[in-house]
C-alpha atoms as a PDB file:
ATOM      1  CA  MET A   1       0.000   0.000   0.000  1.00  0.00           C
ATOM      2  CA  TYR A   2       2.802   2.408   0.923  1.00  0.00           C
ATOM      3  CA  ASN A   3       4.658   1.900  -2.370  1.00  0.00           C
ATOM      4  CA  ALA A   4       1.520   2.427  -4.454  1.00  0.00           C
ATOM      5  CA  LEU A   5       0.719   5.680  -2.649  1.00  0.00           C
ATOM      6  CA  LYS A   6       4.292   6.868  -2.896  1.00  0.00           C
ATOM      7  CA  GLU A   7       4.496   6.115  -6.625  1.00  0.00           C
ATOM      8  CA  ALA A   8       1.180   7.861  -7.283  1.00  0.00           C
ATOM      9  CA  HIS A   9       2.390  10.862  -5.296  1.00  0.00           C
ATOM     10  CA  VAL A  10       5.788  11.076  -7.017  1.00  0.00           C
ATOM     11  CA  GLY A  11       4.332  10.525 -10.477  1.00  0.00           C
ATOM     12  CA  SER A  12       1.716  13.216  -9.923  1.00  0.00           C
ATOM     13  CA  TRP A  13       4.414  15.726  -8.938  1.00  0.00           C
ATOM     14  CA  GLU A  14       6.347  14.982 -12.108  1.00  0.00           C
ATOM     15  CA  VAL A  15       3.257  15.293 -14.309  1.00  0.00           C
ATOM     16  CA  ALA A  16       2.261  18.526 -12.547  1.00  0.00           C
ATOM     17  CA  PHE A  17       5.702  19.995 -13.221  1.00  0.00           C
ATOM     18  CA  VAL A  18       5.401  19.294 -16.952  1.00  0.00           C
ATOM     19  CA  LEU A  19       1.771  20.454 -17.135  1.00  0.00           C
ATOM     20  CA  LEU A  20       2.683  23.756 -15.478  1.00  0.00           C
ATOM     21  CA  ILE A  21       5.434  24.514 -17.972  1.00  0.00           C
ATOM     22  CA  VAL A  22       3.469  23.471 -21.060  1.00  0.00           C
ATOM     23  CA  GLY A  23       0.272  25.184 -19.887  1.00  0.00           C
ATOM     24  CA  TYR A  24       2.097  28.451 -19.225  1.00  0.00           C
ATOM     25  CA  ILE A  25       3.776  28.368 -22.636  1.00  0.00           C
ATOM     26  CA  LEU A  26       0.485  27.635 -24.393  1.00  0.00           C
ATOM     27  CA  TYR A  27      -1.368  30.432 -22.581  1.00  0.00           C
ATOM     28  CA  ARG A  28       1.389  32.868 -23.549  1.00  0.00           C
ATOM     29  CA  ALA A  29       1.299  31.636 -27.167  1.00  0.00           C
ATOM     30  CA  GLY A  30      -2.424  32.367 -27.394  1.00  0.00           C
ATOM     31  CA  LYS A  31      -3.575  28.731 -27.454  1.00  0.00           C
ATOM     32  CA  ALA A  32      -6.102  29.250 -24.673  1.00  0.00           C
ATOM     33  CA  ARG A  33      -8.311  26.269 -25.489  1.00  0.00           C
ATOM     34  CA  VAL A  34      -5.567  23.648 -25.197  1.00  0.00           C
ATOM     35  CA  ALA A  35      -3.983  25.475 -22.275  1.00  0.00           C
ATOM     36  CA  LYS A  36      -7.302  25.435 -20.405  1.00  0.00           C
ATOM     37  CA  ILE A  37      -7.460  21.639 -20.781  1.00  0.00           C
ATOM     38  CA  LEU A  38      -3.926  21.338 -19.414  1.00  0.00           C
ATOM     39  CA  HIS A  39      -4.837  23.732 -16.605  1.00  0.00           C
ATOM     40  CA  MET A  40      -7.732  21.457 -15.611  1.00  0.00           C
ATOM     41  CA  LEU A  41      -5.438  18.417 -15.762  1.00  0.00           C
ATOM     42  CA  LEU A  42      -2.990  20.266 -13.527  1.00  0.00           C
ATOM     43  CA  ARG A  43      -5.790  20.891 -11.032  1.00  0.00           C
ATOM     44  CA  LEU A  44      -6.576  17.156 -11.095  1.00  0.00           C
ATOM     45  CA  MET A  45      -2.914  16.416 -10.390  1.00  0.00           C
ATOM     46  CA  VAL A  46      -3.001  18.877  -7.478  1.00  0.00           C
ATOM     47  CA  VAL A  47      -5.965  17.041  -5.982  1.00  0.00           C
ATOM     48  CA  ILE A  48      -4.193  13.677  -6.420  1.00  0.00           C
ATOM     49  CA  ILE A  49      -0.993  15.101  -4.919  1.00  0.00           C
ATOM     50  CA  PHE A  50      -2.870  16.571  -1.969  1.00  0.00           C
ATOM     51  CA  VAL A  51      -4.844  13.399  -1.210  1.00  0.00           C
ATOM     52  CA  THR A  52      -1.910  11.000  -1.563  1.00  0.00           C
ATOM     53  CA  GLY A  53       0.409  13.360   0.320  1.00  0.00           C
ATOM     54  CA  ALA A  54      -1.993  13.782   3.224  1.00  0.00           C
ATOM     55  CA  TRP A  55      -2.570  10.037   3.345  1.00  0.00           C
ATOM     56  CA  LEU A  56       1.168   9.320   3.348  1.00  0.00           C
ATOM     57  CA  LEU A  57       1.783  12.003   5.954  1.00  0.00           C
ATOM     58  CA  PHE A  58      -0.839  10.965   8.470  1.00  0.00           C
ATOM     59  CA  GLN A  59      -0.557   7.217   7.891  1.00  0.00           C
ATOM     60  CA  PHE A  60       3.205   6.737   7.765  1.00  0.00           C
ATOM     61  CA  HIS A  61       5.092   9.948   8.698  1.00  0.00           C
ATOM     62  CA  ALA A  62       2.922  11.651  11.307  1.00  0.00           C
ATOM     63  CA  SER A  63       5.782  12.246  13.743  1.00  0.00           C
ATOM     64  CA  ASP A  64       8.279  13.665  11.224  1.00  0.00           C
ATOM     65  CA  VAL A  65       8.235  17.497  11.105  1.00  0.00           C
ATOM     66  CA  TYR A  66      10.227  17.378   7.833  1.00  0.00           C
ATOM     67  CA  PHE A  67       7.150  16.190   5.941  1.00  0.00           C
ATOM     68  CA  TYR A  68       4.923  18.851   7.513  1.00  0.00           C
ATOM     69  CA  VAL A  69       7.308  21.515   6.175  1.00  0.00           C
ATOM     70  CA  LYS A  70       7.166  19.844   2.765  1.00  0.00           C
ATOM     71  CA  GLY A  71       3.369  19.909   2.918  1.00  0.00           C
ATOM     72  CA  VAL A  72       3.217  23.613   3.724  1.00  0.00           C
ATOM     73  CA  LEU A  73       5.650  24.405   0.890  1.00  0.00           C
ATOM     74  CA  ALA A  74       3.604  22.217  -1.451  1.00  0.00           C
ATOM     75  CA  ILE A  75       0.434  24.160  -0.656  1.00  0.00           C
ATOM     76  CA  ALA A  76       2.316  27.408  -1.370  1.00  0.00           C
ATOM     77  CA  ALA A  77       3.506  25.903  -4.678  1.00  0.00           C
ATOM     78  CA  PHE A  78      -0.087  25.031  -5.594  1.00  0.00           C
ATOM     79  CA  GLY A  79      -1.091  28.635  -4.992  1.00  0.00           C
ATOM     80  CA  LEU A  80       1.749  30.000  -7.102  1.00  0.00           C
ATOM     81  CA  MET A  81       0.903  27.582  -9.912  1.00  0.00           C
ATOM     82  CA  GLU A  82      -2.696  28.790  -9.967  1.00  0.00           C
ATOM     83  CA  MET A  83      -1.653  32.443  -9.835  1.00  0.00           C
ATOM     84  CA  CYS A  84       0.851  32.153 -12.674  1.00  0.00           C
ATOM     85  CA  LEU A  85      -1.550  30.261 -14.949  1.00  0.00           C
ATOM     86  CA  GLY A  86      -4.390  32.650 -14.123  1.00  0.00           C
ATOM     87  CA  ARG A  87      -2.245  35.646 -15.007  1.00  0.00           C
ATOM     88  CA  ALA A  88      -1.043  33.943 -18.184  1.00  0.00           C
ATOM     89  CA  ARG A  89      -4.658  33.245 -19.174  1.00  0.00           C
ATOM     90  CA  ARG A  90      -5.520  36.931 -18.771  1.00  0.00           C
ATOM     91  CA  GLN A  91      -2.298  37.919 -20.601  1.00  0.00           C
ATOM     92  CA  GLU A  92      -1.016  39.850 -17.593  1.00  0.00           C
ATOM     93  CA  GLY A  93       2.584  39.917 -16.435  1.00  0.00           C
ATOM     94  CA  GLY A  94       3.157  36.795 -14.408  1.00  0.00           C
ATOM     95  CA  ILE A  95       6.713  35.659 -15.049  1.00  0.00           C
ATOM     96  CA  GLY A  96       7.593  36.198 -11.387  1.00  0.00           C
ATOM     97  CA  PHE A  97       4.834  33.845 -10.251  1.00  0.00           C
ATOM     98  CA  PHE A  98       5.929  31.325 -12.890  1.00  0.00           C
ATOM     99  CA  ILE A  99       9.565  31.382 -11.785  1.00  0.00           C
ATOM    100  CA  GLY A 100       8.516  31.288  -8.135  1.00  0.00           C
ATOM    101  CA  ALA A 101       6.267  28.289  -8.801  1.00  0.00           C
ATOM    102  CA  LEU A 102       9.046  26.456 -10.645  1.00  0.00           C
ATOM    103  CA  VAL A 103      11.591  27.148  -7.905  1.00  0.00           C
ATOM    104  CA  LEU A 104       9.185  26.077  -5.174  1.00  0.00           C
ATOM    105  CA  LEU A 105       8.214  22.958  -7.141  1.00  0.00           C
ATOM    106  CA  VAL A 106      11.863  21.981  -7.505  1.00  0.00           C
ATOM    107  CA  ILE A 107      12.451  22.548  -3.779  1.00  0.00           C
ATOM    108  CA  VAL A 108       9.410  20.468  -2.811  1.00  0.00           C
ATOM    109  CA  ILE A 109      10.409  17.647  -5.172  1.00  0.00           C
ATOM    110  CA  MET A 110      13.948  17.712  -3.782  1.00  0.00           C
ATOM    111  CA  LEU A 111      12.549  17.602  -0.236  1.00  0.00           C
ATOM    112  CA  GLY A 112      10.546  14.554  -1.271  1.00  0.00           C
ATOM    113  CA  TYR A 113      13.686  12.811  -2.457  1.00  0.00           C
ATOM    114  CA  ARG A 114      15.434  13.849   0.793  1.00  0.00           C
ATOM    115  CA  VAL A 115      18.153  15.819  -0.985  1.00  0.00           C
ATOM    116  CA  PHE A 116      18.369  18.345   1.862  1.00  0.00           C
ATOM    117  CA  ALA A 117      18.216  15.869   4.749  1.00  0.00           C
END
């Protein structure tokens, strides 16, 4: 059970990373219809990440503060992803949110792989 949850969680993070980049590029290129589909898929990945992450946290790592920090940073990354894609959809300046989301995503993924521990 643990391995299945972990693989779903890790795979969803990787897919979300790609969907964010491609969705942002498509919104900026004026391909709003395809970008909106990718945006909805990204939201689905966020839900999967949140559910599997919470399940892993409370079922297997409840006493480890490291994973609580990762969870808080992940929620901040979700917010930045939504803000950057929303600004890209409206054709407003949002490169700062995009770079911030990418940096935070990389940090959260590295925390998941225990690079900093």
